[in-house]
Amino acid sequence: MEMNKDSRRTSWNVDRFKRVVRYWYVRFLRLQGTPQAIARGLACGVFSGCFPFFGFQILIGIALAIILRGNKIAAAAGTWISNPFTYLPIFAFNYKIGSLLLGENQLSEISINSNSDLITLGATTIGTLSIGSFVVGLITAIVTYFVSLRLICSWRKSRAETQRRREQFKKIPTTKI
């Protein structure tokens, strides 16, 4: 059975994508630093990823990681929670939380009679989204810190145990028969 050019190209692209994802996954697992610093960096990235500042989320995450002495690579990776597939659900949820906290539901009562009404509506919407993003980001960052800290510690413990067993196995004398 012969494959046509398009199916080979698609297969090659999928394989290449898998290799790239695997590479970055392994690189992330091998980050240098204490588990606390990596978890802080990841939490900073997740926090900044909850805000609708497209293009600036990584910069904000890295700046927060520098201030809080977190891992900068983990911070950049943490911002990936908001991507083209998750923008809409995250920001809709953040807006809903902001409107619940502020006790307002201005989108159901839209009546725009002038440019100043439009500007007021825009400012209110941005404020509501920002409040919701801050609260959701803070809660998500706290949860991310503790969950990632636990996972990193257990993964490193498992890795150290595997290394210890390999070293013991190397020390077993071999006998020639």
C-alpha atoms as a PDB file:
ATOM      1  CA  MET A   1       0.000   0.000   0.000  1.00  0.00           C
ATOM      2  CA  GLU A   2       1.448   3.329  -1.057  1.00  0.00           C
ATOM      3  CA  MET A   3       1.000   6.520   0.938  1.00  0.00           C
ATOM      4  CA  ASN A   4       0.376   9.713  -0.939  1.00  0.00           C
ATOM      5  CA  LYS A   5       2.440  12.858  -0.351  1.00  0.00           C
ATOM      6  CA  ASP A   6      -0.139  14.616   1.836  1.00  0.00           C
ATOM      7  CA  SER A   7      -0.536  11.754   4.292  1.00  0.00           C
ATOM      8  CA  ARG A   8       3.249  11.384   4.627  1.00  0.00           C
ATOM      9  CA  ARG A   9       3.583  15.105   5.258  1.00  0.00           C
ATOM     10  CA  THR A  10       0.805  15.023   7.867  1.00  0.00           C
ATOM     11  CA  SER A  11       2.366  12.014   9.561  1.00  0.00           C
ATOM     12  CA  TRP A  12       5.742  13.737   9.596  1.00  0.00           C
ATOM     13  CA  ASN A  13       4.230  16.921  11.085  1.00  0.00           C
ATOM     14  CA  VAL A  14       2.454  14.972  13.832  1.00  0.00           C
ATOM     15  CA  ASP A  15       5.647  13.079  14.675  1.00  0.00           C
ATOM     16  CA  ARG A  16       7.635  16.291  14.722  1.00  0.00           C
ATOM     17  CA  PHE A  17       5.053  17.965  16.964  1.00  0.00           C
ATOM     18  CA  LYS A  18       5.184  15.004  19.371  1.00  0.00           C
ATOM     19  CA  ARG A  19       8.984  15.209  19.512  1.00  0.00           C
ATOM     20  CA  VAL A  20       8.890  18.946  20.239  1.00  0.00           C
ATOM     21  CA  VAL A  21       6.300  18.500  22.995  1.00  0.00           C
ATOM     22  CA  ARG A  22       8.296  15.629  24.504  1.00  0.00           C
ATOM     23  CA  TYR A  23      11.512  17.682  24.359  1.00  0.00           C
ATOM     24  CA  TRP A  24       9.988  20.623  26.229  1.00  0.00           C
ATOM     25  CA  TYR A  25       8.280  18.286  28.713  1.00  0.00           C
ATOM     26  CA  VAL A  26      11.582  16.605  29.581  1.00  0.00           C
ATOM     27  CA  ARG A  27      13.337  19.964  29.693  1.00  0.00           C
ATOM     28  CA  PHE A  28      10.681  21.270  32.082  1.00  0.00           C
ATOM     29  CA  LEU A  29      11.105  18.221  34.330  1.00  0.00           C
ATOM     30  CA  ARG A  30      14.865  18.784  34.459  1.00  0.00           C
ATOM     31  CA  LEU A  31      14.669  22.427  35.526  1.00  0.00           C
ATOM     32  CA  GLN A  32      17.398  23.437  37.923  1.00  0.00           C
ATOM     33  CA  GLY A  33      16.519  25.022  41.232  1.00  0.00           C
ATOM     34  CA  THR A  34      14.713  24.154  44.391  1.00  0.00           C
ATOM     35  CA  PRO A  35      11.209  22.724  44.130  1.00  0.00           C
ATOM     36  CA  GLN A  36       9.940  25.830  45.924  1.00  0.00           C
ATOM     37  CA  ALA A  37      11.504  28.175  43.348  1.00  0.00           C
ATOM     38  CA  ILE A  38      10.110  26.167  40.437  1.00  0.00           C
ATOM     39  CA  ALA A  39       6.651  26.051  42.043  1.00  0.00           C
ATOM     40  CA  ARG A  40       6.786  29.821  42.712  1.00  0.00           C
ATOM     41  CA  GLY A  41       7.722  30.473  39.099  1.00  0.00           C
ATOM     42  CA  LEU A  42       4.936  28.259  37.799  1.00  0.00           C
ATOM     43  CA  ALA A  43       2.425  29.972  40.107  1.00  0.00           C
ATOM     44  CA  CYS A  44       3.580  33.408  38.875  1.00  0.00           C
ATOM     45  CA  GLY A  45       3.075  32.300  35.295  1.00  0.00           C
ATOM     46  CA  VAL A  46      -0.379  30.887  35.973  1.00  0.00           C
ATOM     47  CA  PHE A  47      -1.355  34.083  37.789  1.00  0.00           C
ATOM     48  CA  SER A  48      -0.296  36.299  34.895  1.00  0.00           C
ATOM     49  CA  GLY A  49      -1.854  33.901  32.385  1.00  0.00           C
ATOM     50  CA  CYS A  50      -5.267  34.631  33.880  1.00  0.00           C
ATOM     51  CA  PHE A  51      -5.132  38.262  32.728  1.00  0.00           C
ATOM     52  CA  PRO A  52      -6.181  39.374  29.227  1.00  0.00           C
ATOM     53  CA  PHE A  53      -2.887  41.113  28.476  1.00  0.00           C
ATOM     54  CA  PHE A  54      -2.062  39.250  25.277  1.00  0.00           C
ATOM     55  CA  GLY A  55       1.624  39.378  24.506  1.00  0.00           C
ATOM     56  CA  PHE A  56       2.536  40.713  27.926  1.00  0.00           C
ATOM     57  CA  GLN A  57       1.583  37.691  30.017  1.00  0.00           C
ATOM     58  CA  ILE A  58       5.039  36.112  29.748  1.00  0.00           C
ATOM     59  CA  LEU A  59       6.750  39.396  30.602  1.00  0.00           C
ATOM     60  CA  ILE A  60       4.478  39.891  33.615  1.00  0.00           C
ATOM     61  CA  GLY A  61       5.010  36.285  34.739  1.00  0.00           C
ATOM     62  CA  ILE A  62       8.804  36.563  34.477  1.00  0.00           C
ATOM     63  CA  ALA A  63       8.782  39.929  36.287  1.00  0.00           C
ATOM     64  CA  LEU A  64       6.729  38.421  39.125  1.00  0.00           C
ATOM     65  CA  ALA A  65       9.069  35.414  39.228  1.00  0.00           C
ATOM     66  CA  ILE A  66      12.062  37.723  39.545  1.00  0.00           C
ATOM     67  CA  ILE A  67      10.391  39.647  42.384  1.00  0.00           C
ATOM     68  CA  LEU A  68       9.316  36.448  44.198  1.00  0.00           C
ATOM     69  CA  ARG A  69      12.560  34.581  43.385  1.00  0.00           C
ATOM     70  CA  GLY A  70      10.820  31.972  41.299  1.00  0.00           C
ATOM     71  CA  ASN A  71      12.074  30.076  38.288  1.00  0.00           C
ATOM     72  CA  LYS A  72      11.723  32.249  35.194  1.00  0.00           C
ATOM     73  CA  ILE A  73      11.375  29.355  32.732  1.00  0.00           C
ATOM     74  CA  ALA A  74       8.597  27.848  34.842  1.00  0.00           C
ATOM     75  CA  ALA A  75       6.897  31.260  34.913  1.00  0.00           C
ATOM     76  CA  ALA A  76       6.983  31.483  31.128  1.00  0.00           C
ATOM     77  CA  ALA A  77       5.598  27.950  30.856  1.00  0.00           C
ATOM     78  CA  GLY A  78       2.839  28.718  33.363  1.00  0.00           C
ATOM     79  CA  THR A  79       1.430  31.467  31.159  1.00  0.00           C
ATOM     80  CA  TRP A  80       0.541  28.826  28.575  1.00  0.00           C
ATOM     81  CA  ILE A  81      -2.706  28.121  30.428  1.00  0.00           C
ATOM     82  CA  SER A  82      -4.154  30.916  28.338  1.00  0.00           C
ATOM     83  CA  ASN A  83      -3.735  30.065  24.700  1.00  0.00           C
ATOM     84  CA  PRO A  84      -5.973  30.425  21.646  1.00  0.00           C
ATOM     85  CA  PHE A  85      -7.984  27.381  22.733  1.00  0.00           C
ATOM     86  CA  THR A  86      -8.612  28.574  26.291  1.00  0.00           C
ATOM     87  CA  TYR A  87      -8.873  32.382  25.958  1.00  0.00           C
ATOM     88  CA  LEU A  88     -12.620  32.525  25.618  1.00  0.00           C
ATOM     89  CA  PRO A  89     -13.572  30.148  28.464  1.00  0.00           C
ATOM     90  CA  ILE A  90     -11.013  31.629  30.879  1.00  0.00           C
ATOM     91  CA  PHE A  91     -11.953  35.244  30.261  1.00  0.00           C
ATOM     92  CA  ALA A  92     -15.698  34.537  30.226  1.00  0.00           C
ATOM     93  CA  PHE A  93     -15.292  32.806  33.597  1.00  0.00           C
ATOM     94  CA  ASN A  94     -13.140  35.662  34.926  1.00  0.00           C
ATOM     95  CA  TYR A  95     -15.714  38.210  33.770  1.00  0.00           C
ATOM     96  CA  LYS A  96     -18.509  36.243  35.455  1.00  0.00           C
ATOM     97  CA  ILE A  97     -16.551  36.097  38.728  1.00  0.00           C
ATOM     98  CA  GLY A  98     -15.823  39.831  38.513  1.00  0.00           C
ATOM     99  CA  SER A  99     -19.475  40.672  37.918  1.00  0.00           C
ATOM    100  CA  LEU A 100     -20.523  38.438  40.841  1.00  0.00           C
ATOM    101  CA  LEU A 101     -18.013  40.154  43.121  1.00  0.00           C
ATOM    102  CA  LEU A 102     -19.060  43.626  41.995  1.00  0.00           C
ATOM    103  CA  GLY A 103     -22.753  42.755  42.002  1.00  0.00           C
ATOM    104  CA  GLU A 104     -23.382  43.968  38.500  1.00  0.00           C
ATOM    105  CA  ASN A 105     -24.677  42.555  35.274  1.00  0.00           C
ATOM    106  CA  GLN A 106     -24.274  45.431  32.838  1.00  0.00           C
ATOM    107  CA  LEU A 107     -24.168  43.354  29.649  1.00  0.00           C
ATOM    108  CA  SER A 108     -27.849  42.452  29.952  1.00  0.00           C
ATOM    109  CA  GLU A 109     -28.832  46.137  30.134  1.00  0.00           C
ATOM    110  CA  ILE A 110     -26.912  47.575  27.191  1.00  0.00           C
ATOM    111  CA  SER A 111     -28.255  50.850  25.856  1.00  0.00           C
ATOM    112  CA  ILE A 112     -25.701  52.949  24.055  1.00  0.00           C
ATOM    113  CA  ASN A 113     -26.896  56.428  23.160  1.00  0.00           C
ATOM    114  CA  SER A 114     -23.562  58.212  22.783  1.00  0.00           C
ATOM    115  CA  ASN A 115     -19.812  57.688  22.578  1.00  0.00           C
ATOM    116  CA  SER A 116     -19.474  58.430  26.288  1.00  0.00           C
ATOM    117  CA  ASP A 117     -21.887  55.545  27.039  1.00  0.00           C
ATOM    118  CA  LEU A 118     -19.695  53.256  24.935  1.00  0.00           C
ATOM    119  CA  ILE A 119     -16.539  54.402  26.722  1.00  0.00           C
ATOM    120  CA  THR A 120     -18.190  53.928  30.126  1.00  0.00           C
ATOM    121  CA  LEU A 121     -19.363  50.441  29.140  1.00  0.00           C
ATOM    122  CA  GLY A 122     -15.844  49.553  27.927  1.00  0.00           C
ATOM    123  CA  ALA A 123     -14.183  50.832  31.095  1.00  0.00           C
ATOM    124  CA  THR A 124     -16.717  48.988  33.283  1.00  0.00           C
ATOM    125  CA  THR A 125     -16.239  45.772  31.331  1.00  0.00           C
ATOM    126  CA  ILE A 126     -12.449  46.009  31.549  1.00  0.00           C
ATOM    127  CA  GLY A 127     -12.655  46.729  35.286  1.00  0.00           C
ATOM    128  CA  THR A 128     -14.993  43.800  35.874  1.00  0.00           C
ATOM    129  CA  LEU A 129     -12.745  41.469  33.859  1.00  0.00           C
ATOM    130  CA  SER A 130      -9.649  42.711  35.705  1.00  0.00           C
ATOM    131  CA  ILE A 131     -11.190  42.135  39.149  1.00  0.00           C
ATOM    132  CA  GLY A 132     -12.320  38.654  38.122  1.00  0.00           C
ATOM    133  CA  SER A 133      -8.926  37.881  36.576  1.00  0.00           C
ATOM    134  CA  PHE A 134      -7.117  38.976  39.727  1.00  0.00           C
ATOM    135  CA  VAL A 135      -9.272  36.822  42.024  1.00  0.00           C
ATOM    136  CA  VAL A 136      -9.225  33.763  39.744  1.00  0.00           C
ATOM    137  CA  GLY A 137      -5.490  34.225  39.111  1.00  0.00           C
ATOM    138  CA  LEU A 138      -4.713  34.485  42.818  1.00  0.00           C
ATOM    139  CA  ILE A 139      -6.685  31.361  43.712  1.00  0.00           C
ATOM    140  CA  THR A 140      -5.299  29.430  40.752  1.00  0.00           C
ATOM    141  CA  ALA A 141      -1.736  30.507  41.573  1.00  0.00           C
ATOM    142  CA  ILE A 142      -2.045  29.363  45.197  1.00  0.00           C
ATOM    143  CA  VAL A 143      -3.436  25.990  44.127  1.00  0.00           C
ATOM    144  CA  THR A 144      -0.752  25.695  41.420  1.00  0.00           C
ATOM    145  CA  TYR A 145       2.025  26.407  43.920  1.00  0.00           C
ATOM    146  CA  PHE A 146       1.018  23.685  46.364  1.00  0.00           C
ATOM    147  CA  VAL A 147       0.102  21.067  43.747  1.00  0.00           C
ATOM    148  CA  SER A 148       3.251  21.643  41.681  1.00  0.00           C
ATOM    149  CA  LEU A 149       5.438  21.699  44.798  1.00  0.00           C
ATOM    150  CA  ARG A 150       4.094  18.322  45.820  1.00  0.00           C
ATOM    151  CA  LEU A 151       4.481  16.881  42.307  1.00  0.00           C
ATOM    152  CA  ILE A 152       8.014  18.215  41.870  1.00  0.00           C
ATOM    153  CA  CYS A 153       9.118  16.875  45.262  1.00  0.00           C
ATOM    154  CA  SER A 154       7.634  13.437  44.616  1.00  0.00           C
ATOM    155  CA  TRP A 155       9.080  13.294  41.098  1.00  0.00           C
ATOM    156  CA  ARG A 156      12.553  14.237  42.336  1.00  0.00           C
ATOM    157  CA  LYS A 157      12.311  11.725  45.173  1.00  0.00           C
ATOM    158  CA  SER A 158      11.332   9.009  42.697  1.00  0.00           C
ATOM    159  CA  ARG A 159      14.172  10.010  40.395  1.00  0.00           C
ATOM    160  CA  ALA A 160      16.699   9.944  43.258  1.00  0.00           C
ATOM    161  CA  GLU A 161      15.479   6.483  44.291  1.00  0.00           C
ATOM    162  CA  THR A 162      15.884   5.216  40.728  1.00  0.00           C
ATOM    163  CA  GLN A 163      19.406   6.650  40.586  1.00  0.00           C
ATOM    164  CA  ARG A 164      20.251   5.006  43.917  1.00  0.00           C
ATOM    165  CA  ARG A 165      19.048   1.618  42.647  1.00  0.00           C
ATOM    166  CA  ARG A 166      21.072   1.997  39.454  1.00  0.00           C
ATOM    167  CA  GLU A 167      24.202   2.780  41.465  1.00  0.00           C
ATOM    168  CA  GLN A 168      23.637  -0.281  43.672  1.00  0.00           C
ATOM    169  CA  PHE A 169      23.150  -2.454  40.609  1.00  0.00           C
ATOM    170  CA  LYS A 170      26.460  -1.240  39.156  1.00  0.00           C
ATOM    171  CA  LYS A 171      28.240  -2.307  42.349  1.00  0.00           C
ATOM    172  CA  ILE A 172      27.089  -5.931  42.148  1.00  0.00           C
ATOM    173  CA  PRO A 173      30.149  -8.009  41.224  1.00  0.00           C
ATOM    174  CA  THR A 174      29.869 -10.194  38.178  1.00  0.00           C
ATOM    175  CA  THR A 175      31.387 -13.647  38.167  1.00  0.00           C
ATOM    176  CA  LYS A 176      32.855 -15.312  35.151  1.00  0.00           C
ATOM    177  CA  ILE A 177      31.942 -18.895  34.595  1.00  0.00           C
END
